Amino acid sequence: MVRVLELPNDGPIIGDEASALDVIGDAFGADAQVVSIPVTRLSGEFFQLRSGVAGAVVQKFVNYRLRLVVVGDPTIHGPSSGPVEDWMREANRGRELWFVADGAELEARLDAEA
């Protein structure tokens, strides 16, 4: 069974490496292998690929061998462009980063891997 740390909707915004490290520390404390972050907890810059925020945050999770799952509709941060949609689609083909609509979709994906 994969242990998932599900962050609540309310809480500090994750928008840089330091805030990612705080969550990573929580994940290690919970002995989790997957971290589920509501899209509302990510800064809007996460979905602006030029900002580098997504790359920095995701890389921290990869470095610590934690899987990151973004839960919810990213368009709350504005319309997504072709490159963002392409990136999200590619990420969903891998194991390190997923974008899912809700907790049920996450659970189904994890069950499919088992």
N, C-alpha and C. Protein backbone atom coordinates (compact mmCIF):
# COMPACT_ATOMS: atom_id res chain seq x y z
N MET A 1 0.84 -1.19 0.00
CA MET A 1 0.00 0.00 0.00
C MET A 1 0.88 1.25 0.00
N VAL A 2 0.53 2.18 -0.84
CA VAL A 2 1.26 3.43 -0.94
C VAL A 2 0.69 4.42 0.05
N ARG A 3 1.56 5.01 0.85
CA ARG A 3 1.11 6.00 1.83
C ARG A 3 1.12 7.38 1.18
N VAL A 4 -0.02 8.08 1.29
CA VAL A 4 -0.19 9.38 0.66
C VAL A 4 -0.39 10.44 1.74
N LEU A 5 0.39 11.51 1.63
CA LEU A 5 0.16 12.68 2.47
C LEU A 5 -0.73 13.63 1.67
N GLU A 6 -1.96 13.82 2.13
CA GLU A 6 -2.90 14.71 1.45
C GLU A 6 -2.93 16.04 2.18
N LEU A 7 -2.45 17.07 1.51
CA LEU A 7 -2.49 18.40 2.11
C LEU A 7 -3.91 18.95 2.05
N PRO A 8 -4.33 19.67 3.08
CA PRO A 8 -5.67 20.28 3.05
C PRO A 8 -5.69 21.48 2.09
N ASN A 9 -6.89 21.91 1.75
CA ASN A 9 -7.03 23.06 0.86
C ASN A 9 -6.47 24.34 1.48
N ASP A 10 -6.60 24.45 2.77
CA ASP A 10 -6.11 25.65 3.46
C ASP A 10 -4.70 25.41 3.96
N GLY A 11 -3.89 26.43 3.83
CA GLY A 11 -2.52 26.33 4.31
C GLY A 11 -1.61 27.21 3.48
N PRO A 12 -0.34 27.21 3.80
CA PRO A 12 0.62 28.05 3.09
C PRO A 12 0.71 27.69 1.60
N ILE A 13 0.91 28.71 0.81
CA ILE A 13 1.09 28.53 -0.64
C ILE A 13 2.47 27.95 -0.90
N ILE A 14 2.52 27.01 -1.81
CA ILE A 14 3.78 26.39 -2.22
C ILE A 14 4.19 27.07 -3.52
N GLY A 15 5.28 27.82 -3.44
CA GLY A 15 5.68 28.58 -4.61
C GLY A 15 7.17 28.73 -4.78
N ASP A 16 7.93 27.99 -3.98
CA ASP A 16 9.38 28.04 -4.12
C ASP A 16 9.98 26.79 -3.47
N GLU A 17 11.29 26.69 -3.57
CA GLU A 17 11.96 25.50 -3.03
C GLU A 17 11.81 25.39 -1.52
N ALA A 18 11.84 26.50 -0.81
CA ALA A 18 11.73 26.45 0.65
C ALA A 18 10.38 25.91 1.09
N SER A 19 9.32 26.38 0.45
CA SER A 19 7.99 25.89 0.82
C SER A 19 7.82 24.42 0.41
N ALA A 20 8.46 24.02 -0.68
CA ALA A 20 8.43 22.60 -1.08
C ALA A 20 9.14 21.75 -0.04
N LEU A 21 10.27 22.25 0.48
CA LEU A 21 11.01 21.50 1.49
C LEU A 21 10.20 21.33 2.78
N ASP A 22 9.39 22.32 3.12
CA ASP A 22 8.53 22.19 4.30
C ASP A 22 7.57 21.02 4.12
N VAL A 23 6.99 20.92 2.94
CA VAL A 23 6.05 19.82 2.65
C VAL A 23 6.79 18.49 2.62
N ILE A 24 7.97 18.47 2.05
CA ILE A 24 8.78 17.25 2.00
C ILE A 24 9.08 16.76 3.42
N GLY A 25 9.40 17.68 4.30
CA GLY A 25 9.63 17.32 5.70
C GLY A 25 8.39 16.69 6.32
N ASP A 26 7.22 17.27 6.02
CA ASP A 26 5.97 16.70 6.52
C ASP A 26 5.75 15.29 5.96
N ALA A 27 6.09 15.11 4.69
CA ALA A 27 5.91 13.80 4.05
C ALA A 27 6.80 12.76 4.70
N PHE A 28 8.04 13.12 4.99
CA PHE A 28 8.94 12.18 5.66
C PHE A 28 8.44 11.87 7.05
N GLY A 29 7.92 12.88 7.74
CA GLY A 29 7.37 12.66 9.08
C GLY A 29 6.17 11.72 9.07
N ALA A 30 5.42 11.73 7.96
CA ALA A 30 4.24 10.86 7.82
C ALA A 30 4.58 9.54 7.14
N ASP A 31 5.86 9.34 6.81
CA ASP A 31 6.31 8.14 6.12
C ASP A 31 5.56 7.94 4.80
N ALA A 32 5.31 9.05 4.09
CA ALA A 32 4.56 9.01 2.83
C ALA A 32 5.50 8.86 1.64
N GLN A 33 4.99 8.23 0.60
CA GLN A 33 5.72 8.12 -0.66
C GLN A 33 5.15 9.05 -1.72
N VAL A 34 3.92 9.49 -1.50
CA VAL A 34 3.21 10.36 -2.44
C VAL A 34 2.69 11.56 -1.67
N VAL A 35 2.80 12.75 -2.28
CA VAL A 35 2.26 13.96 -1.68
C VAL A 35 1.19 14.50 -2.62
N SER A 36 0.00 14.66 -2.10
CA SER A 36 -1.15 15.16 -2.84
C SER A 36 -1.38 16.62 -2.44
N ILE A 37 -1.22 17.52 -3.40
CA ILE A 37 -1.33 18.95 -3.12
C ILE A 37 -2.51 19.53 -3.90
N PRO A 38 -3.47 20.15 -3.23
CA PRO A 38 -4.55 20.81 -3.95
C PRO A 38 -3.99 21.94 -4.81
N VAL A 39 -4.54 22.09 -5.99
CA VAL A 39 -4.07 23.12 -6.90
C VAL A 39 -4.16 24.51 -6.26
N THR A 40 -5.08 24.67 -5.33
CA THR A 40 -5.25 25.96 -4.65
C THR A 40 -4.06 26.30 -3.76
N ARG A 41 -3.26 25.31 -3.40
CA ARG A 41 -2.09 25.54 -2.55
C ARG A 41 -0.84 25.90 -3.35
N LEU A 42 -0.92 25.81 -4.67
CA LEU A 42 0.23 26.16 -5.51
C LEU A 42 0.13 27.60 -5.97
N SER A 43 1.27 28.26 -6.05
CA SER A 43 1.26 29.63 -6.54
C SER A 43 0.88 29.63 -8.02
N GLY A 44 0.31 30.72 -8.48
CA GLY A 44 -0.04 30.84 -9.89
C GLY A 44 1.16 30.70 -10.80
N GLU A 45 2.34 31.07 -10.30
CA GLU A 45 3.56 30.96 -11.11
C GLU A 45 3.94 29.52 -11.40
N PHE A 46 3.44 28.58 -10.61
CA PHE A 46 3.72 27.17 -10.85
C PHE A 46 3.29 26.79 -12.26
N PHE A 47 2.19 27.38 -12.73
CA PHE A 47 1.65 27.05 -14.04
C PHE A 47 2.12 28.01 -15.14
N GLN A 48 3.07 28.86 -14.81
CA GLN A 48 3.74 29.70 -15.81
C GLN A 48 5.15 29.14 -15.95
N LEU A 49 5.32 28.30 -16.93
CA LEU A 49 6.56 27.52 -17.02
C LEU A 49 7.81 28.38 -17.09
N ARG A 50 7.70 29.56 -17.66
CA ARG A 50 8.87 30.45 -17.75
C ARG A 50 9.37 30.89 -16.38
N SER A 51 8.50 30.88 -15.39
CA SER A 51 8.90 31.35 -14.06
C SER A 51 9.92 30.42 -13.41
N GLY A 52 9.92 29.15 -13.79
CA GLY A 52 10.84 28.19 -13.20
C GLY A 52 10.37 27.61 -11.88
N VAL A 53 9.23 28.09 -11.38
CA VAL A 53 8.73 27.61 -10.09
C VAL A 53 8.40 26.13 -10.16
N ALA A 54 7.69 25.71 -11.18
CA ALA A 54 7.31 24.29 -11.29
C ALA A 54 8.56 23.41 -11.35
N GLY A 55 9.52 23.80 -12.14
CA GLY A 55 10.74 23.01 -12.24
C GLY A 55 11.46 22.88 -10.92
N ALA A 56 11.56 23.97 -10.19
CA ALA A 56 12.25 23.96 -8.90
C ALA A 56 11.50 23.11 -7.87
N VAL A 57 10.19 23.26 -7.82
CA VAL A 57 9.38 22.52 -6.84
C VAL A 57 9.38 21.03 -7.17
N VAL A 58 9.12 20.71 -8.42
CA VAL A 58 9.07 19.29 -8.81
C VAL A 58 10.43 18.64 -8.61
N GLN A 59 11.50 19.34 -8.93
CA GLN A 59 12.84 18.77 -8.77
C GLN A 59 13.14 18.44 -7.31
N LYS A 60 12.67 19.26 -6.40
CA LYS A 60 12.87 18.96 -4.97
C LYS A 60 12.20 17.64 -4.60
N PHE A 61 10.98 17.44 -5.07
CA PHE A 61 10.29 16.19 -4.77
C PHE A 61 11.01 15.00 -5.39
N VAL A 62 11.47 15.15 -6.63
CA VAL A 62 12.20 14.08 -7.30
C VAL A 62 13.48 13.76 -6.54
N ASN A 63 14.20 14.80 -6.13
CA ASN A 63 15.46 14.60 -5.40
C ASN A 63 15.26 13.79 -4.13
N TYR A 64 14.13 13.98 -3.48
CA TYR A 64 13.84 13.27 -2.24
C TYR A 64 13.02 12.00 -2.48
N ARG A 65 12.89 11.62 -3.73
CA ARG A 65 12.18 10.40 -4.15
C ARG A 65 10.75 10.35 -3.64
N LEU A 66 10.09 11.48 -3.75
CA LEU A 66 8.66 11.57 -3.42
C LEU A 66 7.90 11.87 -4.70
N ARG A 67 6.76 11.25 -4.83
CA ARG A 67 5.91 11.52 -5.97
C ARG A 67 4.98 12.68 -5.62
N LEU A 68 4.78 13.56 -6.57
CA LEU A 68 3.95 14.74 -6.37
C LEU A 68 2.69 14.61 -7.22
N VAL A 69 1.55 14.83 -6.60
CA VAL A 69 0.27 14.80 -7.31
C VAL A 69 -0.43 16.13 -7.06
N VAL A 70 -0.79 16.80 -8.15
CA VAL A 70 -1.54 18.05 -8.08
C VAL A 70 -3.00 17.70 -8.31
N VAL A 71 -3.84 18.07 -7.34
CA VAL A 71 -5.25 17.70 -7.38
C VAL A 71 -6.11 18.93 -7.62
N GLY A 72 -6.94 18.86 -8.65
CA GLY A 72 -7.87 19.95 -8.93
C GLY A 72 -7.67 20.52 -10.32
N ASP A 73 -8.42 21.57 -10.59
CA ASP A 73 -8.44 22.20 -11.90
C ASP A 73 -7.44 23.36 -11.95
N PRO A 74 -6.36 23.20 -12.70
CA PRO A 74 -5.34 24.25 -12.74
C PRO A 74 -5.80 25.55 -13.39
N THR A 75 -6.93 25.53 -14.08
CA THR A 75 -7.38 26.76 -14.73
C THR A 75 -7.86 27.80 -13.72
N ILE A 76 -7.91 27.45 -12.43
CA ILE A 76 -8.23 28.48 -11.43
C ILE A 76 -7.14 29.55 -11.40
N HIS A 77 -5.95 29.20 -11.90
CA HIS A 77 -4.85 30.16 -11.97
C HIS A 77 -4.82 30.87 -13.31
N GLY A 78 -5.84 30.68 -14.13
CA GLY A 78 -5.90 31.30 -15.45
C GLY A 78 -5.88 30.23 -16.52
N PRO A 79 -6.22 30.61 -17.73
CA PRO A 79 -6.24 29.61 -18.81
C PRO A 79 -4.85 29.05 -19.06
N SER A 80 -4.80 27.75 -19.31
CA SER A 80 -3.50 27.13 -19.55
C SER A 80 -3.19 27.17 -21.04
N SER A 81 -1.94 27.38 -21.34
CA SER A 81 -1.49 27.47 -22.72
C SER A 81 -1.13 26.09 -23.24
N GLY A 82 -0.86 25.99 -24.53
CA GLY A 82 -0.45 24.73 -25.14
C GLY A 82 0.73 24.10 -24.45
N PRO A 83 1.81 24.85 -24.19
CA PRO A 83 2.96 24.23 -23.52
C PRO A 83 2.64 23.69 -22.14
N VAL A 84 1.80 24.37 -21.38
CA VAL A 84 1.43 23.89 -20.05
C VAL A 84 0.61 22.61 -20.17
N GLU A 85 -0.33 22.60 -21.08
CA GLU A 85 -1.15 21.40 -21.29
C GLU A 85 -0.28 20.23 -21.74
N ASP A 86 0.68 20.50 -22.63
CA ASP A 86 1.59 19.45 -23.08
C ASP A 86 2.41 18.90 -21.93
N TRP A 87 2.91 19.80 -21.08
CA TRP A 87 3.71 19.40 -19.92
C TRP A 87 2.89 18.53 -18.98
N MET A 88 1.66 18.93 -18.71
CA MET A 88 0.80 18.17 -17.81
C MET A 88 0.48 16.79 -18.40
N ARG A 89 0.22 16.73 -19.67
CA ARG A 89 -0.07 15.46 -20.32
C ARG A 89 1.14 14.52 -20.25
N GLU A 90 2.32 15.07 -20.53
CA GLU A 90 3.55 14.27 -20.44
C GLU A 90 3.81 13.80 -19.01
N ALA A 91 3.60 14.69 -18.05
CA ALA A 91 3.82 14.34 -16.65
C ALA A 91 2.92 13.17 -16.24
N ASN A 92 1.71 13.17 -16.71
CA ASN A 92 0.77 12.10 -16.35
C ASN A 92 1.15 10.75 -16.94
N ARG A 93 2.04 10.74 -17.89
CA ARG A 93 2.53 9.47 -18.45
C ARG A 93 3.63 8.86 -17.59
N GLY A 94 4.21 9.67 -16.73
CA GLY A 94 5.32 9.20 -15.89
C GLY A 94 4.85 8.81 -14.51
N ARG A 95 5.80 8.81 -13.57
CA ARG A 95 5.51 8.40 -12.19
C ARG A 95 5.78 9.50 -11.18
N GLU A 96 6.60 10.48 -11.51
CA GLU A 96 7.02 11.47 -10.52
C GLU A 96 6.01 12.57 -10.28
N LEU A 97 5.26 12.94 -11.29
CA LEU A 97 4.32 14.06 -11.20
C LEU A 97 3.05 13.70 -11.95
N TRP A 98 1.92 13.82 -11.24
CA TRP A 98 0.62 13.60 -11.87
C TRP A 98 -0.26 14.80 -11.62
N PHE A 99 -1.19 15.01 -12.53
CA PHE A 99 -2.25 16.00 -12.39
C PHE A 99 -3.56 15.22 -12.45
N VAL A 100 -4.34 15.28 -11.38
CA VAL A 100 -5.61 14.55 -11.32
C VAL A 100 -6.73 15.52 -10.94
N ALA A 101 -7.95 15.14 -11.30
CA ALA A 101 -9.10 15.99 -11.02
C ALA A 101 -9.49 15.97 -9.55
N ASP A 102 -9.36 14.78 -8.92
CA ASP A 102 -9.81 14.66 -7.53
C ASP A 102 -9.15 13.45 -6.86
N GLY A 103 -9.47 13.28 -5.60
CA GLY A 103 -8.89 12.18 -4.84
C GLY A 103 -9.27 10.81 -5.39
N ALA A 104 -10.47 10.69 -5.94
CA ALA A 104 -10.89 9.41 -6.50
C ALA A 104 -10.03 9.02 -7.70
N GLU A 105 -9.68 10.00 -8.52
CA GLU A 105 -8.82 9.70 -9.66
C GLU A 105 -7.42 9.29 -9.19
N LEU A 106 -6.93 9.95 -8.16
CA LEU A 106 -5.63 9.58 -7.61
C LEU A 106 -5.67 8.15 -7.09
N GLU A 107 -6.70 7.82 -6.33
CA GLU A 107 -6.82 6.48 -5.78
C GLU A 107 -6.88 5.43 -6.89
N ALA A 108 -7.63 5.73 -7.94
CA ALA A 108 -7.76 4.79 -9.06
C ALA A 108 -6.40 4.58 -9.75
N ARG A 109 -5.63 5.66 -9.91
CA ARG A 109 -4.32 5.54 -10.55
C ARG A 109 -3.36 4.73 -9.68
N LEU A 110 -3.40 4.97 -8.39
CA LEU A 110 -2.53 4.21 -7.49
C LEU A 110 -2.94 2.73 -7.46
N ASP A 111 -4.24 2.46 -7.47
CA ASP A 111 -4.73 1.08 -7.49
C ASP A 111 -4.31 0.38 -8.77
N ALA A 112 -4.31 1.10 -9.88
CA ALA A 112 -3.94 0.52 -11.17
C ALA A 112 -2.48 0.11 -11.19
N GLU A 113 -1.65 0.78 -10.41
CA GLU A 113 -0.21 0.46 -10.35
C GLU A 113 0.06 -0.75 -9.47
N ALA A 114 -0.82 -1.00 -8.53
CA ALA A 114 -0.58 -2.07 -7.54
C ALA A 114 -0.66 -3.45 -8.14
